[in-house]
Structures are given as structure tokens and as C-alpha cells.
Amino acid sequence: MKIRKGDEVVIIAGKSKGATGKVIAVDTTRERVTVEGANLIKKNTKVDAQGKGGGIVTVEAPLHVSNVALVEDGKPTRVGYTVNDDGKKVRISRRTGKEI
């Protein structure tokens, strides 16, 4: 997957369109990413055995990777791959050609 944990992304579709944030989790099997502070939902939680918790909490829900774009220098960019001089595969920005 071209988006990784810790990347800065912008949401390009959905109810949080236009929001930017840092990727906090990546699920490669379902092709979903969780973005900090975006796509917030309310979740009901039960009281645990010690009597703590319980109530309504707001959490980030995962988004499909096609609904986010990597941000470089404040602008969204597509991601590509190339092999550098050391023979290592690296991610590059399609907009600028620079290594990410």
C-alpha cells in the first residue's frame, strides 16, 4: 500500500472531505487507513468489570485508502515507486519527482 503510518494525508471524499491529518493506523488486508481527527463517529461503550468506562465516546473510523491522498509541501500528490542507486525501492512524489 502506498500510504503508511505517520504520513500526512488529505481526505478527498466522504463526510470529512478537505480535512488533513496524520495516519495513525493502516489495515492492509481491508485497504483502510485511520486518520487522526477525521471521520469521527460516536461509539457506545459498556461499563467494564471494575465499574469504569461506559457512555458515548468519539473515535476515528477507518477510511478506504482511495479516499485519501498524500500531502507534500501542503499539496496533495500521487505516490509512485522507483529504484534508487543502491538498488532499494523507494516511494516518490508523482507531482515533484522527489523521494518521500
C-alpha atoms as a PDB file:
ATOM      1  CA  MET A   1       0.000   0.000   0.000  1.00  0.00           C
ATOM      2  CA  LYS A   2       1.317   3.453  -0.876  1.00  0.00           C
ATOM      3  CA  ILE A   3       0.061   5.183   2.298  1.00  0.00           C
ATOM      4  CA  ARG A   4       1.925   4.336   5.501  1.00  0.00           C
ATOM      5  CA  LYS A   5       1.579   5.038   9.210  1.00  0.00           C
ATOM      6  CA  GLY A   6       2.824   8.523  10.062  1.00  0.00           C
ATOM      7  CA  ASP A   7       2.133  10.028   6.605  1.00  0.00           C
ATOM      8  CA  GLU A   8       0.339  13.376   6.345  1.00  0.00           C
ATOM      9  CA  VAL A   9      -2.794  12.934   4.188  1.00  0.00           C
ATOM     10  CA  VAL A  10      -5.785  14.927   2.984  1.00  0.00           C
ATOM     11  CA  ILE A  11      -9.242  13.369   2.698  1.00  0.00           C
ATOM     12  CA  ILE A  12     -10.584  13.743  -0.847  1.00  0.00           C
ATOM     13  CA  ALA A  13     -14.007  12.103  -0.454  1.00  0.00           C
ATOM     14  CA  GLY A  14     -16.619  11.496   2.218  1.00  0.00           C
ATOM     15  CA  LYS A  15     -18.059  13.490   5.099  1.00  0.00           C
ATOM     16  CA  SER A  16     -14.619  14.719   6.229  1.00  0.00           C
ATOM     17  CA  LYS A  17     -13.583  15.889   2.749  1.00  0.00           C
ATOM     18  CA  GLY A  18     -10.840  18.508   2.889  1.00  0.00           C
ATOM     19  CA  ALA A  19      -9.578  17.550   6.347  1.00  0.00           C
ATOM     20  CA  THR A  20      -5.895  16.833   6.771  1.00  0.00           C
ATOM     21  CA  GLY A  21      -4.266  14.683   9.407  1.00  0.00           C
ATOM     22  CA  LYS A  22      -1.676  12.095  10.259  1.00  0.00           C
ATOM     23  CA  VAL A  23      -2.256   8.390   9.553  1.00  0.00           C
ATOM     24  CA  ILE A  24      -2.407   6.582  12.900  1.00  0.00           C
ATOM     25  CA  ALA A  25      -3.268   3.059  11.698  1.00  0.00           C
ATOM     26  CA  VAL A  26      -3.128   1.075   8.448  1.00  0.00           C
ATOM     27  CA  ASP A  27      -5.083  -2.113   7.695  1.00  0.00           C
ATOM     28  CA  THR A  28      -3.519  -3.665   4.588  1.00  0.00           C
ATOM     29  CA  THR A  29      -5.939  -6.585   4.337  1.00  0.00           C
ATOM     30  CA  ARG A  30      -9.006  -4.320   4.085  1.00  0.00           C
ATOM     31  CA  GLU A  31      -7.093  -1.431   2.432  1.00  0.00           C
ATOM     32  CA  ARG A  32      -8.168   1.061   5.082  1.00  0.00           C
ATOM     33  CA  VAL A  33      -6.400   3.851   6.943  1.00  0.00           C
ATOM     34  CA  THR A  34      -7.329   5.698  10.133  1.00  0.00           C
ATOM     35  CA  VAL A  35      -6.627   9.434  10.086  1.00  0.00           C
ATOM     36  CA  GLU A  36      -6.161  11.435  13.278  1.00  0.00           C
ATOM     37  CA  GLY A  37      -9.091  13.806  13.911  1.00  0.00           C
ATOM     38  CA  ALA A  38     -11.062  12.840  10.783  1.00  0.00           C
ATOM     39  CA  ASN A  39     -14.104  10.665  10.044  1.00  0.00           C
ATOM     40  CA  LEU A  40     -15.244  10.855  13.669  1.00  0.00           C
ATOM     41  CA  ILE A  41     -18.064   8.610  14.868  1.00  0.00           C
ATOM     42  CA  LYS A  42     -19.865   8.187  18.188  1.00  0.00           C
ATOM     43  CA  LYS A  43     -19.458   4.780  19.805  1.00  0.00           C
ATOM     44  CA  ASN A  44     -21.340   3.357  22.780  1.00  0.00           C
ATOM     45  CA  THR A  45     -19.146   1.597  25.324  1.00  0.00           C
ATOM     46  CA  LYS A  46     -20.155  -0.743  28.129  1.00  0.00           C
ATOM     47  CA  VAL A  47     -19.086  -0.428  31.733  1.00  0.00           C
ATOM     48  CA  ASP A  48     -16.201  -2.792  32.466  1.00  0.00           C
ATOM     49  CA  ALA A  49     -15.889  -5.164  35.432  1.00  0.00           C
ATOM     50  CA  GLN A  50     -14.318  -2.526  37.695  1.00  0.00           C
ATOM     51  CA  GLY A  51     -17.193  -0.119  37.067  1.00  0.00           C
ATOM     52  CA  LYS A  52     -15.141   2.225  34.892  1.00  0.00           C
ATOM     53  CA  GLY A  53     -15.959   3.439  31.428  1.00  0.00           C
ATOM     54  CA  GLY A  54     -19.365   3.326  29.889  1.00  0.00           C
ATOM     55  CA  GLY A  55     -21.007   6.042  27.847  1.00  0.00           C
ATOM     56  CA  ILE A  56     -20.624   7.580  24.443  1.00  0.00           C
ATOM     57  CA  VAL A  57     -17.121   8.176  23.091  1.00  0.00           C
ATOM     58  CA  THR A  58     -15.990   9.814  19.854  1.00  0.00           C
ATOM     59  CA  VAL A  59     -13.438   7.797  17.855  1.00  0.00           C
ATOM     60  CA  GLU A  60     -11.867   7.896  14.400  1.00  0.00           C
ATOM     61  CA  ALA A  61     -13.296   5.373  11.943  1.00  0.00           C
ATOM     62  CA  PRO A  62     -11.178   3.860   9.142  1.00  0.00           C
ATOM     63  CA  LEU A  63     -11.385   5.236   5.591  1.00  0.00           C
ATOM     64  CA  HIS A  64     -10.698   3.409   2.355  1.00  0.00           C
ATOM     65  CA  VAL A  65      -7.239   4.233   1.037  1.00  0.00           C
ATOM     66  CA  SER A  66      -8.713   5.550  -2.239  1.00  0.00           C
ATOM     67  CA  ASN A  67     -10.392   8.375  -0.304  1.00  0.00           C
ATOM     68  CA  VAL A  68      -7.116   9.888   0.927  1.00  0.00           C
ATOM     69  CA  ALA A  69      -4.139  11.492  -0.827  1.00  0.00           C
ATOM     70  CA  LEU A  70      -0.620  12.003   0.483  1.00  0.00           C
ATOM     71  CA  VAL A  71       0.283  15.633   1.232  1.00  0.00           C
ATOM     72  CA  GLU A  72       3.681  17.006   0.240  1.00  0.00           C
ATOM     73  CA  ASP A  73       4.525  20.693   0.759  1.00  0.00           C
ATOM     74  CA  GLY A  74       0.862  21.404   1.562  1.00  0.00           C
ATOM     75  CA  LYS A  75      -0.457  19.970  -1.714  1.00  0.00           C
ATOM     76  CA  PRO A  76      -1.919  16.525  -2.452  1.00  0.00           C
ATOM     77  CA  THR A  77       0.232  14.248  -4.575  1.00  0.00           C
ATOM     78  CA  ARG A  78       0.109  10.804  -6.059  1.00  0.00           C
ATOM     79  CA  VAL A  79       2.680   8.244  -4.996  1.00  0.00           C
ATOM     80  CA  GLY A  80       4.897   6.166  -7.236  1.00  0.00           C
ATOM     81  CA  TYR A  81       7.853   3.852  -6.792  1.00  0.00           C
ATOM     82  CA  THR A  82      11.346   3.831  -8.233  1.00  0.00           C
ATOM     83  CA  VAL A  83      14.620   2.047  -7.582  1.00  0.00           C
ATOM     84  CA  ASN A  84      17.425   4.283  -6.313  1.00  0.00           C
ATOM     85  CA  ASP A  85      21.170   3.916  -6.927  1.00  0.00           C
ATOM     86  CA  ASP A  86      21.556   1.475  -4.024  1.00  0.00           C
ATOM     87  CA  GLY A  87      19.018  -0.878  -5.616  1.00  0.00           C
ATOM     88  CA  LYS A  88      16.430  -0.086  -2.946  1.00  0.00           C
ATOM     89  CA  LYS A  89      12.765   0.500  -3.831  1.00  0.00           C
ATOM     90  CA  VAL A  90      11.595   3.926  -2.609  1.00  0.00           C
ATOM     91  CA  ARG A  91       8.405   5.988  -2.762  1.00  0.00           C
ATOM     92  CA  ILE A  92       8.432   9.137  -4.886  1.00  0.00           C
ATOM     93  CA  SER A  93       6.043  12.036  -5.377  1.00  0.00           C
ATOM     94  CA  ARG A  94       4.450  11.998  -8.823  1.00  0.00           C
ATOM     95  CA  ARG A  95       3.982  15.767  -8.627  1.00  0.00           C
ATOM     96  CA  THR A  96       7.610  16.728  -7.912  1.00  0.00           C
ATOM     97  CA  GLY A  97       9.575  13.529  -8.513  1.00  0.00           C
ATOM     98  CA  LYS A  98      11.252  13.841  -5.094  1.00  0.00           C
ATOM     99  CA  GLU A  99      11.734  10.903  -2.748  1.00  0.00           C
ATOM    100  CA  ILE A 100       9.248  10.698   0.138  1.00  0.00           C
END
